[in-house]
Amino acid sequence: MPIEEYKCQQSQAISGFLVLKKEDEGRIACLKCGSKKMSRVISRVTYHRAESDRLDEFDTRKPQGEEFYKDSRNVGLWAKKRAKELGADLGGRNSMKSWRAPAPGRF
């Protein structure tokens, strides 16, 4: 179902509306001020990259900004890439799935 974004000419607010038919566009009004003077805008587009692609392109020697370390996925990415560079095998994605803790008193 198409969700269209419109910008109010009065308040400059951007709102999203479900537009099923062309006639529905006539009923669109700004959610902030109620004005009917709206123009359609192009929505932002995002795409997702596979972790393997991110890993291949990531350079551990390049200094990262503070924002980079606020995302735990980036910290994990850095650790995986660094371990790979050092030749450490971290195992597969589910390598800990079958691991069991030893019984108490046994090692």
Protein backbone atom coordinates (compact mmCIF):
# COMPACT_ATOMS: atom_id res chain seq x y z
CA MET A 1 0.00 0.00 0.00
CA PRO A 2 1.48 3.32 -1.03
CA ILE A 3 2.30 5.66 1.82
CA GLU A 4 2.98 9.06 0.30
CA GLU A 5 4.75 11.92 2.06
CA TYR A 6 3.52 15.49 1.74
CA LYS A 7 4.96 18.80 2.88
CA CYS A 8 2.69 21.54 4.18
CA GLN A 9 3.24 24.89 2.44
CA GLN A 10 2.19 26.75 5.59
CA SER A 11 3.89 24.95 8.50
CA GLN A 12 6.62 23.14 6.47
CA ALA A 13 5.72 19.93 8.35
CA ILE A 14 6.12 16.63 6.50
CA SER A 15 3.43 13.99 7.02
CA GLY A 16 2.81 10.53 5.59
CA PHE A 17 -0.58 9.42 4.28
CA LEU A 18 -1.98 6.18 2.91
CA VAL A 19 -3.20 7.02 -0.60
CA LEU A 20 -5.21 4.23 -2.19
CA LYS A 21 -6.93 6.24 -4.95
CA LYS A 22 -6.17 9.50 -6.76
CA GLU A 23 -9.35 10.97 -5.21
CA ASP A 24 -7.86 10.46 -1.72
CA GLU A 25 -5.26 13.16 -2.41
CA GLY A 26 -7.98 15.84 -2.19
CA ARG A 27 -8.69 14.95 1.44
CA ILE A 28 -5.10 15.27 2.62
CA ALA A 29 -4.52 18.01 5.19
CA CYS A 30 -1.56 18.94 7.36
CA LEU A 31 -1.56 17.07 10.65
CA LYS A 32 0.07 20.04 12.38
CA CYS A 33 -2.00 23.03 11.20
CA GLY A 34 -4.83 21.54 9.14
CA SER A 35 -3.91 23.36 5.91
CA LYS A 36 -4.80 21.68 2.61
CA LYS A 37 -1.90 23.34 0.78
CA MET A 38 0.28 20.24 0.54
CA SER A 39 2.86 19.13 -2.01
CA ARG A 40 4.19 15.63 -2.47
CA VAL A 41 7.82 15.05 -1.55
CA ILE A 42 10.20 12.26 -2.44
CA SER A 43 10.69 9.99 0.55
CA ARG A 44 14.15 9.07 1.80
CA VAL A 45 15.49 5.80 0.51
CA THR A 46 17.71 3.43 2.46
CA TYR A 47 19.41 0.21 1.61
CA HIS A 48 20.96 -2.47 3.75
CA ARG A 49 24.31 -4.08 3.19
CA ALA A 50 25.29 -7.57 4.18
CA GLU A 51 27.67 -7.88 7.12
CA SER A 52 30.16 -9.68 4.89
CA ASP A 53 30.28 -6.63 2.57
CA ARG A 54 30.73 -4.27 5.52
CA LEU A 55 33.48 -6.54 6.90
CA ASP A 56 35.37 -6.63 3.58
CA GLU A 57 35.35 -2.82 3.26
CA PHE A 58 36.07 -1.99 6.91
CA ASP A 59 39.57 -0.70 7.74
CA THR A 60 40.55 -1.28 11.39
CA ARG A 61 43.53 1.07 11.09
CA LYS A 62 41.35 4.05 10.26
CA PRO A 63 40.37 6.04 13.37
CA GLN A 64 36.62 6.05 14.01
CA GLY A 65 34.59 8.88 15.48
CA GLU A 66 32.64 8.72 18.74
CA GLU A 67 29.38 8.00 16.88
CA PHE A 68 30.85 4.79 15.45
CA TYR A 69 31.27 3.21 18.89
CA LYS A 70 27.74 4.08 20.03
CA ASP A 71 26.39 1.32 17.77
CA SER A 72 27.21 -2.13 19.20
CA ARG A 73 27.11 -3.66 15.71
CA ASN A 74 30.10 -1.53 14.75
CA VAL A 75 32.06 -2.67 17.80
CA GLY A 76 31.34 -6.29 16.84
CA LEU A 77 32.33 -5.56 13.25
CA TRP A 78 35.65 -4.11 14.40
CA ALA A 79 36.31 -7.15 16.64
CA LYS A 80 35.52 -9.63 13.85
CA LYS A 81 37.68 -7.83 11.31
CA ARG A 82 40.59 -7.47 13.75
CA ALA A 83 40.39 -11.15 14.74
CA LYS A 84 40.38 -12.10 11.05
CA GLU A 85 43.47 -9.92 10.45
CA LEU A 86 45.26 -11.62 13.35
CA GLY A 87 44.32 -15.09 12.07
CA ALA A 88 41.99 -15.99 14.95
CA ASP A 89 39.08 -18.30 14.16
CA LEU A 90 35.97 -17.13 16.00
CA GLY A 91 33.89 -19.99 14.63
CA GLY A 92 30.60 -19.78 12.83
CA ARG A 93 27.61 -17.69 13.74
CA ASN A 94 26.15 -20.43 15.92
CA SER A 95 29.43 -21.77 17.30
CA MET A 96 28.27 -21.38 20.94
CA LYS A 97 24.87 -22.98 20.34
CA SER A 98 25.90 -26.50 21.31
CA TRP A 99 28.29 -25.48 24.09
CA ARG A 100 27.34 -26.61 27.60
CA ALA A 101 28.77 -25.48 30.86
CA PRO A 102 30.69 -28.18 32.74
CA ALA A 103 28.99 -29.79 35.70
CA PRO A 104 29.78 -28.14 39.05
CA GLY A 105 33.15 -29.26 40.38
CA ARG A 106 34.30 -30.66 36.98
CA PHE A 107 36.54 -29.01 34.45
